[in-house]
Amino acid sequence: MSPEMLEKKNGIVRCLVQMVIPQFFYLAGITVSFYNCEKKGFPRFLWEKTMSLLIPFLVLLPVILIPRLYFA
């Protein structure tokens, strides 16, 4: 692979990482702010919080991982 293509590939991967990771944490933070823990209880809050973080992670992992493996 030529150095120019390698530099472009690395730039694309860095750009994706810099955009997706902050969006993931932003969306996770939004879900916390709309949850009423006092009414539903902490175990339910913990379960729903785990699912709200795990499901987007598992959905976005292949979206990010497949292009990264393809360009690598």
PDB file of N, CA and C in Angstrom:
ATOM      1  N   MET A   1       0.850  -1.175   0.000  1.00  0.00           N
ATOM      2  CA  MET A   1       0.000   0.000   0.000  1.00  0.00           C
ATOM      3  C   MET A   1       0.899   1.242   0.000  1.00  0.00           C
ATOM      4  N   SER A   2       0.537   2.213  -0.802  1.00  0.00           N
ATOM      5  CA  SER A   2       1.359   3.419  -0.921  1.00  0.00           C
ATOM      6  C   SER A   2       1.243   4.274   0.352  1.00  0.00           C
ATOM      7  N   PRO A   3       2.257   5.084   0.615  1.00  0.00           N
ATOM      8  CA  PRO A   3       2.204   5.936   1.812  1.00  0.00           C
ATOM      9  C   PRO A   3       1.033   6.916   1.802  1.00  0.00           C
ATOM     10  N   GLU A   4       0.639   7.373   0.614  1.00  0.00           N
ATOM     11  CA  GLU A   4      -0.494   8.296   0.528  1.00  0.00           C
ATOM     12  C   GLU A   4      -1.794   7.612   0.935  1.00  0.00           C
ATOM     13  N   MET A   5      -1.984   6.378   0.448  1.00  0.00           N
ATOM     14  CA  MET A   5      -3.193   5.634   0.809  1.00  0.00           C
ATOM     15  C   MET A   5      -3.205   5.296   2.297  1.00  0.00           C
ATOM     16  N   LEU A   6      -2.056   4.946   2.846  1.00  0.00           N
ATOM     17  CA  LEU A   6      -1.952   4.633   4.261  1.00  0.00           C
ATOM     18  C   LEU A   6      -2.280   5.862   5.107  1.00  0.00           C
ATOM     19  N   GLU A   7      -1.819   7.021   4.680  1.00  0.00           N
ATOM     20  CA  GLU A   7      -2.117   8.254   5.407  1.00  0.00           C
ATOM     21  C   GLU A   7      -3.605   8.587   5.340  1.00  0.00           C
ATOM     22  N   LYS A   8      -4.226   8.397   4.172  1.00  0.00           N
ATOM     23  CA  LYS A   8      -5.665   8.633   4.036  1.00  0.00           C
ATOM     24  C   LYS A   8      -6.460   7.677   4.912  1.00  0.00           C
ATOM     25  N   LYS A   9      -6.063   6.407   4.929  1.00  0.00           N
ATOM     26  CA  LYS A   9      -6.760   5.410   5.747  1.00  0.00           C
ATOM     27  C   LYS A   9      -6.674   5.777   7.218  1.00  0.00           C
ATOM     28  N   ASN A  10      -5.494   6.135   7.679  1.00  0.00           N
ATOM     29  CA  ASN A  10      -5.320   6.522   9.077  1.00  0.00           C
ATOM     30  C   ASN A  10      -6.125   7.770   9.416  1.00  0.00           C
ATOM     31  N   GLY A  11      -6.215   8.696   8.486  1.00  0.00           N
ATOM     32  CA  GLY A  11      -7.011   9.907   8.705  1.00  0.00           C
ATOM     33  C   GLY A  11      -8.490   9.593   8.830  1.00  0.00           C
ATOM     34  N   ILE A  12      -8.992   8.694   8.002  1.00  0.00           N
ATOM     35  CA  ILE A  12     -10.406   8.311   8.063  1.00  0.00           C
ATOM     36  C   ILE A  12     -10.707   7.626   9.391  1.00  0.00           C
ATOM     37  N   VAL A  13      -9.852   6.714   9.813  1.00  0.00           N
ATOM     38  CA  VAL A  13     -10.062   6.001  11.079  1.00  0.00           C
ATOM     39  C   VAL A  13     -10.036   6.984  12.241  1.00  0.00           C
ATOM     40  N   ARG A  14      -9.078   7.898  12.258  1.00  0.00           N
ATOM     41  CA  ARG A  14      -9.019   8.894  13.336  1.00  0.00           C
ATOM     42  C   ARG A  14     -10.265   9.765  13.362  1.00  0.00           C
ATOM     43  N   CYS A  15     -10.740  10.146  12.183  1.00  0.00           N
ATOM     44  CA  CYS A  15     -11.939  10.976  12.095  1.00  0.00           C
ATOM     45  C   CYS A  15     -13.155  10.231  12.647  1.00  0.00           C
ATOM     46  N   LEU A  16     -13.324   8.967  12.269  1.00  0.00           N
ATOM     47  CA  LEU A  16     -14.445   8.177  12.769  1.00  0.00           C
ATOM     48  C   LEU A  16     -14.389   8.026  14.281  1.00  0.00           C
ATOM     49  N   VAL A  17     -13.228   7.738  14.815  1.00  0.00           N
ATOM     50  CA  VAL A  17     -13.079   7.558  16.259  1.00  0.00           C
ATOM     51  C   VAL A  17     -13.383   8.863  16.981  1.00  0.00           C
ATOM     52  N   GLN A  18     -12.897   9.970  16.458  1.00  0.00           N
ATOM     53  CA  GLN A  18     -13.115  11.254  17.119  1.00  0.00           C
ATOM     54  C   GLN A  18     -14.570  11.687  17.069  1.00  0.00           C
ATOM     55  N   MET A  19     -15.333  11.246  16.086  1.00  0.00           N
ATOM     56  CA  MET A  19     -16.735  11.631  15.991  1.00  0.00           C
ATOM     57  C   MET A  19     -17.643  10.680  16.760  1.00  0.00           C
ATOM     58  N   VAL A  20     -17.393   9.384  16.693  1.00  0.00           N
ATOM     59  CA  VAL A  20     -18.335   8.404  17.221  1.00  0.00           C
ATOM     60  C   VAL A  20     -18.257   8.284  18.736  1.00  0.00           C
ATOM     61  N   ILE A  21     -17.079   8.276  19.307  1.00  0.00           N
ATOM     62  CA  ILE A  21     -16.954   8.086  20.751  1.00  0.00           C
ATOM     63  C   ILE A  21     -17.634   9.216  21.530  1.00  0.00           C
ATOM     64  N   PRO A  22     -17.418  10.493  21.208  1.00  0.00           N
ATOM     65  CA  PRO A  22     -18.155  11.532  21.946  1.00  0.00           C
ATOM     66  C   PRO A  22     -19.673  11.430  21.763  1.00  0.00           C
ATOM     67  N   GLN A  23     -20.142  11.057  20.580  1.00  0.00           N
ATOM     68  CA  GLN A  23     -21.578  10.905  20.375  1.00  0.00           C
ATOM     69  C   GLN A  23     -22.139   9.784  21.236  1.00  0.00           C
ATOM     70  N   PHE A  24     -21.384   8.696  21.386  1.00  0.00           N
ATOM     71  CA  PHE A  24     -21.823   7.590  22.223  1.00  0.00           C
ATOM     72  C   PHE A  24     -22.011   8.056  23.665  1.00  0.00           C
ATOM     73  N   PHE A  25     -21.049   8.782  24.216  1.00  0.00           N
ATOM     74  CA  PHE A  25     -21.160   9.250  25.591  1.00  0.00           C
ATOM     75  C   PHE A  25     -22.225  10.327  25.739  1.00  0.00           C
ATOM     76  N   TYR A  26     -22.402  11.154  24.735  1.00  0.00           N
ATOM     77  CA  TYR A  26     -23.454  12.170  24.775  1.00  0.00           C
ATOM     78  C   TYR A  26     -24.831  11.517  24.852  1.00  0.00           C
ATOM     79  N   LEU A  27     -25.080  10.541  24.003  1.00  0.00           N
ATOM     80  CA  LEU A  27     -26.366   9.850  24.030  1.00  0.00           C
ATOM     81  C   LEU A  27     -26.575   9.092  25.333  1.00  0.00           C
ATOM     82  N   ALA A  28     -25.521   8.502  25.864  1.00  0.00           N
ATOM     83  CA  ALA A  28     -25.641   7.812  27.146  1.00  0.00           C
ATOM     84  C   ALA A  28     -25.975   8.802  28.260  1.00  0.00           C
ATOM     85  N   GLY A  29     -25.383   9.980  28.226  1.00  0.00           N
ATOM     86  CA  GLY A  29     -25.681  10.996  29.234  1.00  0.00           C
ATOM     87  C   GLY A  29     -27.103  11.510  29.139  1.00  0.00           C
ATOM     88  N   ILE A  30     -27.614  11.638  27.929  1.00  0.00           N
ATOM     89  CA  ILE A  30     -28.994  12.079  27.759  1.00  0.00           C
ATOM     90  C   ILE A  30     -29.962  11.080  28.374  1.00  0.00           C
ATOM     91  N   THR A  31     -29.688   9.807  28.234  1.00  0.00           N
ATOM     92  CA  THR A  31     -30.599   8.802  28.792  1.00  0.00           C
ATOM     93  C   THR A  31     -30.634   8.877  30.311  1.00  0.00           C
ATOM     94  N   VAL A  32     -29.535   9.264  30.949  1.00  0.00           N
ATOM     95  CA  VAL A  32     -29.526   9.393  32.410  1.00  0.00           C
ATOM     96  C   VAL A  32     -30.397  10.567  32.839  1.00  0.00           C
ATOM     97  N   SER A  33     -30.333  11.658  32.116  1.00  0.00           N
ATOM     98  CA  SER A  33     -31.049  12.859  32.543  1.00  0.00           C
ATOM     99  C   SER A  33     -32.566  12.715  32.452  1.00  0.00           C
ATOM    100  N   PHE A  34     -33.076  11.773  31.680  1.00  0.00           N
ATOM    101  CA  PHE A  34     -34.519  11.602  31.547  1.00  0.00           C
ATOM    102  C   PHE A  34     -35.060  10.456  32.394  1.00  0.00           C
ATOM    103  N   TYR A  35     -34.263   9.920  33.286  1.00  0.00           N
ATOM    104  CA  TYR A  35     -34.683   8.766  34.063  1.00  0.00           C
ATOM    105  C   TYR A  35     -34.971   9.187  35.496  1.00  0.00           C
ATOM    106  N   ASN A  36     -36.116   8.729  36.044  1.00  0.00           N
ATOM    107  CA  ASN A  36     -36.485   9.036  37.417  1.00  0.00           C
ATOM    108  C   ASN A  36     -36.150   7.833  38.290  1.00  0.00           C
ATOM    109  N   CYS A  37     -35.000   7.861  38.929  1.00  0.00           N
ATOM    110  CA  CYS A  37     -34.504   6.725  39.708  1.00  0.00           C
ATOM    111  C   CYS A  37     -35.283   6.535  41.005  1.00  0.00           C
ATOM    112  N   GLU A  38     -35.847   7.595  41.552  1.00  0.00           N
ATOM    113  CA  GLU A  38     -36.535   7.494  42.833  1.00  0.00           C
ATOM    114  C   GLU A  38     -37.812   6.661  42.730  1.00  0.00           C
ATOM    115  N   LYS A  39     -38.539   6.765  41.646  1.00  0.00           N
ATOM    116  CA  LYS A  39     -39.789   6.018  41.490  1.00  0.00           C
ATOM    117  C   LYS A  39     -39.548   4.559  41.118  1.00  0.00           C
ATOM    118  N   LYS A  40     -38.585   4.302  40.257  1.00  0.00           N
ATOM    119  CA  LYS A  40     -38.406   2.963  39.712  1.00  0.00           C
ATOM    120  C   LYS A  40     -37.427   2.114  40.502  1.00  0.00           C
ATOM    121  N   GLY A  41     -36.556   2.708  41.297  1.00  0.00           N
ATOM    122  CA  GLY A  41     -35.601   1.957  42.099  1.00  0.00           C
ATOM    123  C   GLY A  41     -34.259   1.786  41.402  1.00  0.00           C
ATOM    124  N   PHE A  42     -33.220   1.576  42.217  1.00  0.00           N
ATOM    125  CA  PHE A  42     -31.870   1.501  41.695  1.00  0.00           C
ATOM    126  C   PHE A  42     -31.596   0.255  40.857  1.00  0.00           C
ATOM    127  N   PRO A  43     -32.083  -0.958  41.250  1.00  0.00           N
ATOM    128  CA  PRO A  43     -31.794  -2.127  40.402  1.00  0.00           C
ATOM    129  C   PRO A  43     -32.346  -1.976  38.980  1.00  0.00           C
ATOM    130  N   ARG A  44     -33.542  -1.446  38.870  1.00  0.00           N
ATOM    131  CA  ARG A  44     -34.114  -1.230  37.532  1.00  0.00           C
ATOM    132  C   ARG A  44     -33.337  -0.164  36.774  1.00  0.00           C
ATOM    133  N   PHE A  45     -32.931   0.900  37.487  1.00  0.00           N
ATOM    134  CA  PHE A  45     -32.105   1.936  36.864  1.00  0.00           C
ATOM    135  C   PHE A  45     -30.796   1.337  36.341  1.00  0.00           C
ATOM    136  N   LEU A  46     -30.159   0.508  37.168  1.00  0.00           N
ATOM    137  CA  LEU A  46     -28.894  -0.100  36.771  1.00  0.00           C
ATOM    138  C   LEU A  46     -29.069  -1.001  35.558  1.00  0.00           C
ATOM    139  N   TRP A  47     -30.132  -1.797  35.548  1.00  0.00           N
ATOM    140  CA  TRP A  47     -30.400  -2.690  34.415  1.00  0.00           C
ATOM    141  C   TRP A  47     -30.660  -1.887  33.137  1.00  0.00           C
ATOM    142  N   GLU A  48     -31.515  -0.892  33.236  1.00  0.00           N
ATOM    143  CA  GLU A  48     -31.835  -0.087  32.047  1.00  0.00           C
ATOM    144  C   GLU A  48     -30.634   0.730  31.578  1.00  0.00           C
ATOM    145  N   LYS A  49     -29.813   1.199  32.515  1.00  0.00           N
ATOM    146  CA  LYS A  49     -28.615   1.947  32.133  1.00  0.00           C
ATOM    147  C   LYS A  49     -27.613   1.029  31.432  1.00  0.00           C
ATOM    148  N   THR A  50     -27.474  -0.196  31.946  1.00  0.00           N
ATOM    149  CA  THR A  50     -26.575  -1.154  31.306  1.00  0.00           C
ATOM    150  C   THR A  50     -27.045  -1.457  29.886  1.00  0.00           C
ATOM    151  N   MET A  51     -28.325  -1.660  29.711  1.00  0.00           N
ATOM    152  CA  MET A  51     -28.855  -1.939  28.374  1.00  0.00           C
ATOM    153  C   MET A  51     -28.738  -0.727  27.460  1.00  0.00           C
ATOM    154  N   SER A  52     -28.944   0.476  28.007  1.00  0.00           N
ATOM    155  CA  SER A  52     -28.861   1.669  27.157  1.00  0.00           C
ATOM    156  C   SER A  52     -27.432   1.933  26.705  1.00  0.00           C
ATOM    157  N   LEU A  53     -26.447   1.429  27.424  1.00  0.00           N
ATOM    158  CA  LEU A  53     -25.055   1.562  26.983  1.00  0.00           C
ATOM    159  C   LEU A  53     -24.615   0.386  26.133  1.00  0.00           C
ATOM    160  N   LEU A  54     -25.081  -0.799  26.481  1.00  0.00           N
ATOM    161  CA  LEU A  54     -24.630  -2.011  25.807  1.00  0.00           C
ATOM    162  C   LEU A  54     -25.224  -2.150  24.405  1.00  0.00           C
ATOM    163  N   ILE A  55     -26.490  -1.840  24.243  1.00  0.00           N
ATOM    164  CA  ILE A  55     -27.141  -1.999  22.938  1.00  0.00           C
ATOM    165  C   ILE A  55     -26.532  -1.075  21.882  1.00  0.00           C
ATOM    166  N   PRO A  56     -26.371   0.242  22.155  1.00  0.00           N
ATOM    167  CA  PRO A  56     -25.700   1.076  21.129  1.00  0.00           C
ATOM    168  C   PRO A  56     -24.274   0.630  20.851  1.00  0.00           C
ATOM    169  N   PHE A  57     -23.571   0.172  21.894  1.00  0.00           N
ATOM    170  CA  PHE A  57     -22.202  -0.301  21.690  1.00  0.00           C
ATOM    171  C   PHE A  57     -22.185  -1.501  20.758  1.00  0.00           C
ATOM    172  N   LEU A  58     -23.067  -2.455  20.990  1.00  0.00           N
ATOM    173  CA  LEU A  58     -23.094  -3.655  20.156  1.00  0.00           C
ATOM    174  C   LEU A  58     -23.587  -3.362  18.743  1.00  0.00           C
ATOM    175  N   VAL A  59     -24.441  -2.363  18.593  1.00  0.00           N
ATOM    176  CA  VAL A  59     -24.930  -1.997  17.263  1.00  0.00           C
ATOM    177  C   VAL A  59     -23.848  -1.229  16.494  1.00  0.00           C
ATOM    178  N   LEU A  60     -23.171  -0.314  17.172  1.00  0.00           N
ATOM    179  CA  LEU A  60     -22.177   0.520  16.489  1.00  0.00           C
ATOM    180  C   LEU A  60     -20.835  -0.172  16.313  1.00  0.00           C
ATOM    181  N   LEU A  61     -20.568  -1.190  17.107  1.00  0.00           N
ATOM    182  CA  LEU A  61     -19.293  -1.895  16.989  1.00  0.00           C
ATOM    183  C   LEU A  61     -19.066  -2.431  15.576  1.00  0.00           C
ATOM    184  N   PRO A  62     -20.023  -3.164  14.986  1.00  0.00           N
ATOM    185  CA  PRO A  62     -19.775  -3.625  13.616  1.00  0.00           C
ATOM    186  C   PRO A  62     -19.731  -2.484  12.597  1.00  0.00           C
ATOM    187  N   VAL A  63     -20.485  -1.407  12.858  1.00  0.00           N
ATOM    188  CA  VAL A  63     -20.494  -0.272  11.935  1.00  0.00           C
ATOM    189  C   VAL A  63     -19.109   0.367  11.872  1.00  0.00           C
ATOM    190  N   ILE A  64     -18.412   0.393  12.986  1.00  0.00           N
ATOM    191  CA  ILE A  64     -17.076   0.977  13.030  1.00  0.00           C
ATOM    192  C   ILE A  64     -16.017  -0.071  12.716  1.00  0.00           C
ATOM    193  N   LEU A  65     -16.199  -1.274  13.230  1.00  0.00           N
ATOM    194  CA  LEU A  65     -15.173  -2.299  13.119  1.00  0.00           C
ATOM    195  C   LEU A  65     -15.018  -2.817  11.689  1.00  0.00           C
ATOM    196  N   ILE A  66     -16.112  -3.025  10.982  1.00  0.00           N
ATOM    197  CA  ILE A  66     -16.034  -3.573   9.621  1.00  0.00           C
ATOM    198  C   ILE A  66     -15.271  -2.623   8.687  1.00  0.00           C
ATOM    199  N   PRO A  67     -15.594  -1.317   8.653  1.00  0.00           N
ATOM    200  CA  PRO A  67     -14.781  -0.433   7.793  1.00  0.00           C
ATOM    201  C   PRO A  67     -13.320  -0.364   8.233  1.00  0.00           C
ATOM    202  N   ARG A  68     -13.085  -0.399   9.541  1.00  0.00           N
ATOM    203  CA  ARG A  68     -11.704  -0.333  10.025  1.00  0.00           C
ATOM    204  C   ARG A  68     -10.918  -1.567   9.601  1.00  0.00           C
ATOM    205  N   LEU A  69     -11.533  -2.730   9.703  1.00  0.00           N
ATOM    206  CA  LEU A  69     -10.862  -3.952   9.252  1.00  0.00           C
ATOM    207  C   LEU A  69     -10.690  -3.969   7.736  1.00  0.00           C
ATOM    208  N   TYR A  70     -11.654  -3.406   7.024  1.00  0.00           N
ATOM    209  CA  TYR A  70     -11.572  -3.362   5.566  1.00  0.00           C
ATOM    210  C   TYR A  70     -10.407  -2.482   5.106  1.00  0.00           C
ATOM    211  N   PHE A  71     -10.244  -1.325   5.763  1.00  0.00           N
ATOM    212  CA  PHE A  71      -9.188  -0.403   5.365  1.00  0.00           C
ATOM    213  C   PHE A  71      -7.830  -0.810   5.898  1.00  0.00           C
ATOM    214  N   ALA A  72      -7.789  -1.718   6.864  1.00  0.00           N
ATOM    215  CA  ALA A  72      -6.502  -2.111   7.471  1.00  0.00           C
ATOM    216  C   ALA A  72      -5.722  -3.045   6.642  1.00  0.00           C
TER     217      ALA A  72
END
